[in-house]
Amino acid sequence: MTQVKAGDTVRIHYTGTLEDGSEFDSSSGREPLEFTVGSGQIIPGLDQAIPGMVVGDKKTVEVAADQAYGQPHENARQDVPRADIPDNIPLEIGIQLQMQAPDGQAIPVRVVAVTEDSVTLDANHPLAGKALTFAIELMSIA
């Protein structure tokens, strides 16, 4: 049987869970995830687990935070005066908003704190700093 190698395009089904067992993502009920192995299209820790698999193989992969979405960066958090945020934008903790960088690029942020005077926005990936576990099944190799 053909084993996966770097440069192959593969399709996998997966379920991602956190250390407490809660599911954060899954391909269940959707088409398998398709990507080119070694191309940087998915997190490094998962990408590195695919070579050597054959179609039909299943495995569970534990991915440290540094091989997933990295560690959170304090400089990715910003306090914004509450008065600078339009009244029509809901300011609930956990809500996702978009900021605009000076170059016009949209930056997704989450509201992580709200006070009378300021709102703290966090541009870190929501899974930064978390170890992840993936149950994967290799569906095809192209």
Protein backbone atom coordinates (compact mmCIF):
# COMPACT_ATOMS: atom_id res chain seq x y z
CA MET A 1 0.00 0.00 0.00
CA THR A 2 1.10 3.54 -0.69
CA GLN A 3 2.31 5.50 2.32
CA VAL A 4 1.82 9.26 2.65
CA LYS A 5 4.91 11.38 1.99
CA ALA A 6 5.57 15.12 1.94
CA GLY A 7 3.98 16.74 -1.11
CA ASP A 8 1.06 14.31 -1.29
CA THR A 9 -2.45 15.71 -1.23
CA VAL A 10 -4.47 13.84 1.37
CA ARG A 11 -7.99 13.83 2.74
CA ILE A 12 -8.59 13.09 6.42
CA HIS A 13 -11.53 12.93 8.75
CA TYR A 14 -10.69 14.29 12.19
CA THR A 15 -12.06 15.23 15.57
CA GLY A 16 -10.13 17.74 17.66
CA THR A 17 -10.46 17.83 21.44
CA LEU A 18 -8.96 19.83 24.30
CA GLU A 19 -7.27 18.40 27.39
CA ASP A 20 -10.63 18.32 29.23
CA GLY A 21 -12.09 16.16 26.43
CA SER A 22 -14.32 18.89 24.98
CA GLU A 23 -14.52 18.92 21.18
CA PHE A 24 -13.43 22.11 19.42
CA ASP A 25 -13.70 20.96 15.79
CA SER A 26 -14.61 17.96 13.67
CA SER A 27 -15.08 17.01 10.03
CA SER A 28 -18.01 14.79 11.02
CA GLY A 29 -20.93 15.43 8.71
CA ARG A 30 -18.69 17.31 6.26
CA GLU A 31 -16.31 16.44 3.47
CA PRO A 32 -12.89 15.27 4.68
CA LEU A 33 -10.23 17.95 5.15
CA GLU A 34 -7.97 18.10 2.08
CA PHE A 35 -4.43 19.50 2.23
CA THR A 36 -0.93 18.98 0.88
CA VAL A 37 1.35 17.32 3.43
CA GLY A 38 4.28 19.51 4.46
CA SER A 39 2.90 22.67 2.84
CA GLY A 40 2.02 24.52 6.05
CA GLN A 41 -1.73 24.44 5.33
CA ILE A 42 -2.49 22.89 8.73
CA ILE A 43 -0.87 23.12 12.16
CA PRO A 44 2.66 21.64 12.25
CA GLY A 45 2.01 18.97 14.88
CA LEU A 46 -0.81 17.44 12.87
CA ASP A 47 1.00 17.82 9.54
CA GLN A 48 4.01 15.91 10.92
CA ALA A 49 1.81 13.00 12.03
CA ILE A 50 0.52 12.16 8.53
CA PRO A 51 3.62 10.84 6.65
CA GLY A 52 3.82 7.05 6.76
CA MET A 53 0.06 6.53 7.07
CA VAL A 54 -1.83 4.44 4.51
CA VAL A 55 -5.46 4.84 3.43
CA GLY A 56 -7.74 3.53 6.17
CA ASP A 57 -5.22 4.12 8.98
CA LYS A 58 -6.58 5.72 12.15
CA LYS A 59 -4.54 7.30 14.90
CA THR A 60 -4.74 9.70 17.78
CA VAL A 61 -2.24 12.55 17.76
CA GLU A 62 -1.41 14.76 20.74
CA VAL A 63 -0.15 18.18 19.67
CA ALA A 64 1.61 20.52 22.11
CA ALA A 65 0.60 24.19 21.99
CA ASP A 66 3.94 25.14 20.38
CA GLN A 67 3.16 22.77 17.47
CA ALA A 68 -0.45 23.96 17.21
CA TYR A 69 -1.37 27.65 17.51
CA GLY A 70 1.60 28.67 19.65
CA GLN A 71 1.65 30.47 22.95
CA PRO A 72 -0.47 33.57 23.52
CA HIS A 73 1.37 36.86 23.08
CA GLU A 74 0.64 39.67 25.51
CA ASN A 75 1.29 42.23 22.76
CA ALA A 76 -1.68 40.75 20.85
CA ARG A 77 -3.99 42.14 23.57
CA GLN A 78 -5.00 45.76 23.42
CA ASP A 79 -7.05 48.02 25.68
CA VAL A 80 -9.28 50.33 23.67
CA PRO A 81 -11.20 53.25 25.15
CA ARG A 82 -14.83 52.23 25.31
CA ALA A 83 -15.77 55.56 23.73
CA ASP A 84 -13.83 54.56 20.59
CA ILE A 85 -16.15 51.61 19.94
CA PRO A 86 -19.41 52.42 18.13
CA ASP A 87 -22.55 52.03 20.24
CA ASN A 88 -24.07 49.49 17.83
CA ILE A 89 -21.29 46.94 18.50
CA PRO A 90 -22.18 44.50 21.29
CA LEU A 91 -19.49 44.31 23.97
CA GLU A 92 -19.98 40.87 25.44
CA ILE A 93 -17.00 38.84 26.64
CA GLY A 94 -16.14 36.21 24.04
CA ILE A 95 -17.73 37.96 21.08
CA GLN A 96 -15.58 38.15 17.95
CA LEU A 97 -15.00 41.46 16.21
CA GLN A 98 -12.69 42.71 13.49
CA MET A 99 -10.15 45.47 13.78
CA GLN A 100 -8.46 47.10 10.85
CA ALA A 101 -4.67 47.25 10.74
CA PRO A 102 -2.97 50.41 9.44
CA ASP A 103 -2.42 48.61 6.10
CA GLY A 104 -6.17 47.92 5.82
CA GLN A 105 -5.94 44.23 6.68
CA ALA A 106 -8.80 42.85 8.81
CA ILE A 107 -7.67 41.34 12.11
CA PRO A 108 -10.08 39.07 14.03
CA VAL A 109 -10.18 39.84 17.76
CA ARG A 110 -12.17 38.63 20.76
CA VAL A 111 -13.54 40.79 23.54
CA VAL A 112 -11.89 39.46 26.73
CA ALA A 113 -12.70 42.22 29.25
CA VAL A 114 -15.08 45.16 29.47
CA THR A 115 -14.96 47.96 32.04
CA GLU A 116 -16.74 51.27 32.27
CA ASP A 117 -13.82 52.97 30.52
CA SER A 118 -12.15 50.37 28.29
CA VAL A 119 -12.52 47.18 26.29
CA THR A 120 -9.71 44.62 26.08
CA LEU A 121 -9.39 42.99 22.67
CA ASP A 122 -7.33 39.85 22.07
CA ALA A 123 -5.96 38.97 18.60
CA ASN A 124 -4.40 35.67 19.76
CA HIS A 125 -5.90 32.55 18.18
CA PRO A 126 -8.60 31.19 20.54
CA LEU A 127 -6.62 27.92 20.83
CA ALA A 128 -3.25 29.59 21.53
CA GLY A 129 -1.57 28.06 24.56
CA LYS A 130 -3.65 24.89 24.43
CA ALA A 131 -2.52 21.32 23.84
CA LEU A 132 -4.77 19.62 21.28
CA THR A 133 -5.67 16.00 20.55
CA PHE A 134 -6.80 14.83 17.12
CA ALA A 135 -8.41 11.51 16.25
CA ILE A 136 -7.70 11.16 12.52
CA GLU A 137 -8.50 8.73 9.73
CA LEU A 138 -6.74 8.86 6.38
CA MET A 139 -9.38 8.72 3.65
CA SER A 140 -7.30 9.18 0.48
CA ILE A 141 -3.90 10.04 -1.00
CA ALA A 142 -3.61 11.84 -4.33
